[in-house]
N, C-alpha and C. Protein backbone atom coordinates (compact mmCIF):
# COMPACT_ATOMS: atom_id res chain seq x y z
N UNK A 1 63.89 -31.59 -128.79
CA UNK A 1 65.40 -32.07 -128.19
C UNK A 1 66.01 -32.53 -129.62
N UNK A 2 67.12 -32.53 -130.14
CA UNK A 2 67.55 -32.90 -131.58
C UNK A 2 67.85 -34.60 -131.14
N UNK A 3 67.74 -35.14 -132.11
CA UNK A 3 67.72 -36.59 -132.19
C UNK A 3 68.74 -36.98 -131.66
N UNK A 4 70.22 -36.48 -131.96
CA UNK A 4 71.45 -37.20 -131.50
C UNK A 4 71.57 -36.69 -130.11
N UNK A 5 70.84 -35.84 -129.56
CA UNK A 5 71.34 -35.39 -128.14
C UNK A 5 70.17 -36.31 -127.41
N UNK A 6 69.60 -36.93 -127.78
CA UNK A 6 68.22 -37.88 -127.24
C UNK A 6 69.32 -39.28 -127.30
N UNK A 7 69.83 -39.48 -128.49
CA UNK A 7 70.84 -41.09 -128.74
C UNK A 7 71.80 -40.89 -127.92
N UNK A 8 72.47 -39.79 -127.71
CA UNK A 8 73.66 -39.76 -126.59
C UNK A 8 73.50 -40.25 -125.72
N UNK A 9 72.21 -39.65 -124.98
CA UNK A 9 71.85 -39.68 -123.43
C UNK A 9 71.06 -41.27 -123.23
N UNK A 10 70.41 -41.51 -124.04
CA UNK A 10 70.40 -43.21 -123.70
C UNK A 10 71.29 -44.04 -123.97
N UNK A 11 72.14 -43.78 -124.89
CA UNK A 11 73.64 -44.78 -125.10
C UNK A 11 74.24 -44.60 -124.06
N UNK A 12 74.29 -43.54 -123.13
CA UNK A 12 75.24 -43.08 -122.32
C UNK A 12 74.59 -43.98 -120.94
N UNK A 13 73.44 -44.41 -121.14
CA UNK A 13 72.78 -44.97 -120.06
C UNK A 13 72.95 -46.57 -120.30
N UNK A 14 73.63 -47.09 -121.35
CA UNK A 14 73.47 -48.34 -121.58
C UNK A 14 72.60 -49.07 -122.57
N UNK A 15 71.99 -48.09 -123.50
CA UNK A 15 70.93 -48.77 -124.16
C UNK A 15 71.67 -49.09 -125.37
N UNK A 16 71.21 -50.34 -126.52
CA UNK A 16 72.06 -50.50 -127.22
C UNK A 16 71.03 -50.84 -128.46
N UNK A 17 71.18 -50.28 -129.93
CA UNK A 17 70.21 -50.44 -131.07
C UNK A 17 70.10 -52.02 -131.34
N UNK A 18 68.54 -52.05 -131.43
CA UNK A 18 68.03 -53.63 -131.67
C UNK A 18 67.82 -53.75 -133.26
N UNK A 19 67.31 -52.87 -133.86
CA UNK A 19 66.85 -52.68 -135.21
C UNK A 19 66.60 -51.28 -135.45
N UNK A 20 67.14 -50.85 -137.25
CA UNK A 20 66.69 -49.51 -137.47
C UNK A 20 65.63 -49.96 -138.73
N UNK A 21 64.93 -49.18 -138.53
CA UNK A 21 63.73 -48.92 -139.30
C UNK A 21 63.96 -47.97 -140.53
N UNK A 22 62.41 -47.42 -141.17
CA UNK A 22 62.56 -46.26 -142.05
C UNK A 22 62.03 -45.15 -141.49
N UNK A 23 61.11 -45.27 -140.55
CA UNK A 23 61.06 -44.26 -139.56
C UNK A 23 60.95 -44.18 -138.17
N UNK A 24 61.26 -45.38 -137.42
CA UNK A 24 61.87 -45.51 -136.18
C UNK A 24 62.76 -46.57 -136.08
N UNK A 25 63.79 -46.31 -135.03
CA UNK A 25 64.68 -47.14 -134.65
C UNK A 25 64.26 -48.03 -133.18
N UNK A 26 64.75 -49.22 -133.09
CA UNK A 26 64.38 -49.68 -131.72
C UNK A 26 65.19 -50.09 -130.92
N UNK A 27 65.64 -49.18 -129.93
CA UNK A 27 66.39 -49.25 -128.85
C UNK A 27 66.15 -50.10 -127.49
N UNK A 28 67.02 -50.99 -127.13
CA UNK A 28 66.82 -51.75 -125.81
C UNK A 28 67.36 -51.50 -124.73
N UNK A 29 67.43 -51.61 -123.62
CA UNK A 29 68.22 -51.42 -122.15
C UNK A 29 68.03 -52.79 -121.86
N UNK A 30 69.46 -53.32 -121.92
CA UNK A 30 69.99 -54.99 -121.57
C UNK A 30 69.82 -54.97 -119.94
N UNK A 31 69.69 -53.95 -118.84
CA UNK A 31 69.80 -53.99 -117.66
C UNK A 31 68.15 -54.14 -117.22
N UNK A 32 67.34 -53.37 -118.18
CA UNK A 32 66.17 -53.66 -117.68
C UNK A 32 65.41 -54.35 -118.38
N UNK A 33 65.62 -54.48 -119.83
CA UNK A 33 64.91 -55.52 -120.64
C UNK A 33 64.09 -54.64 -121.77
N UNK A 34 63.77 -53.21 -120.90
CA UNK A 34 63.03 -52.52 -121.87
C UNK A 34 63.16 -52.28 -122.95
N UNK A 35 62.58 -51.86 -124.09
CA UNK A 35 62.62 -51.46 -125.45
C UNK A 35 61.80 -50.32 -125.67
N UNK A 36 62.17 -49.32 -126.38
CA UNK A 36 61.86 -48.11 -127.05
C UNK A 36 61.82 -47.76 -128.18
N UNK A 37 60.88 -47.50 -128.98
CA UNK A 37 61.21 -46.71 -130.28
C UNK A 37 61.26 -45.63 -130.44
N UNK A 38 62.58 -44.79 -131.18
CA UNK A 38 63.27 -43.79 -131.30
C UNK A 38 62.84 -43.07 -132.59
N UNK A 39 61.92 -41.92 -133.25
CA UNK A 39 61.44 -41.31 -134.24
C UNK A 39 62.98 -41.22 -134.93
N UNK A 40 62.74 -41.26 -136.24
CA UNK A 40 63.98 -40.84 -136.84
C UNK A 40 63.95 -39.47 -137.62
N UNK A 41 63.07 -38.63 -136.53
CA UNK A 41 63.05 -36.97 -137.01
C UNK A 41 64.35 -36.29 -136.63
N UNK A 42 64.52 -35.17 -137.24
CA UNK A 42 65.76 -34.53 -136.44
C UNK A 42 65.50 -33.96 -135.22
N UNK A 43 64.30 -33.34 -134.96
CA UNK A 43 63.78 -32.80 -133.84
C UNK A 43 62.36 -33.57 -133.28
N UNK A 44 62.81 -33.98 -131.95
CA UNK A 44 61.97 -34.68 -131.11
C UNK A 44 61.32 -33.85 -130.29
N UNK A 45 60.07 -33.99 -129.90
CA UNK A 45 58.87 -32.68 -129.28
C UNK A 45 59.65 -33.28 -127.86
N UNK A 46 59.90 -32.37 -126.84
CA UNK A 46 60.23 -32.45 -125.53
C UNK A 46 59.35 -33.72 -124.64
N UNK A 47 58.23 -33.64 -124.83
CA UNK A 47 57.16 -34.75 -124.13
C UNK A 47 57.75 -36.20 -124.57
N UNK A 48 57.49 -36.52 -125.46
CA UNK A 48 58.09 -37.81 -126.12
C UNK A 48 59.47 -38.30 -125.76
N UNK A 49 60.50 -36.89 -125.80
CA UNK A 49 62.07 -37.33 -125.81
C UNK A 49 62.01 -37.87 -124.27
N UNK A 50 61.09 -36.92 -123.42
CA UNK A 50 61.27 -37.15 -121.70
C UNK A 50 60.59 -38.62 -121.48
N UNK A 51 59.72 -38.68 -122.17
CA UNK A 51 59.00 -40.23 -121.88
C UNK A 51 60.12 -41.13 -122.09
N UNK A 52 60.94 -41.53 -123.60
CA UNK A 52 61.65 -42.13 -123.77
C UNK A 52 62.97 -42.30 -122.91
N UNK A 53 63.42 -41.26 -122.62
CA UNK A 53 64.31 -41.16 -121.44
C UNK A 53 64.10 -41.50 -120.38
N UNK A 54 62.94 -41.43 -119.58
CA UNK A 54 62.54 -41.98 -118.45
C UNK A 54 62.21 -43.68 -118.63
N UNK A 55 61.74 -44.18 -119.88
CA UNK A 55 61.50 -45.20 -119.77
C UNK A 55 62.88 -46.31 -119.80
N UNK A 56 63.77 -46.01 -120.58
CA UNK A 56 65.00 -46.53 -121.11
C UNK A 56 66.27 -46.35 -120.00
N UNK A 57 66.08 -45.29 -119.16
CA UNK A 57 67.51 -44.93 -118.61
C UNK A 57 66.93 -45.47 -116.99
């Protein structure tokens, strides 16, 4: 999955960026309070992407 597609999905679910790092960004869902690191790769494997969406959405 492309990183921009993943970010589009989690931001549409209401997630907001907390901080930007050199290798990962941290996003938080204000409704649930859960945080998840998003790798800064152009392509993210399907399994980690599904896990990120499941945790934050």
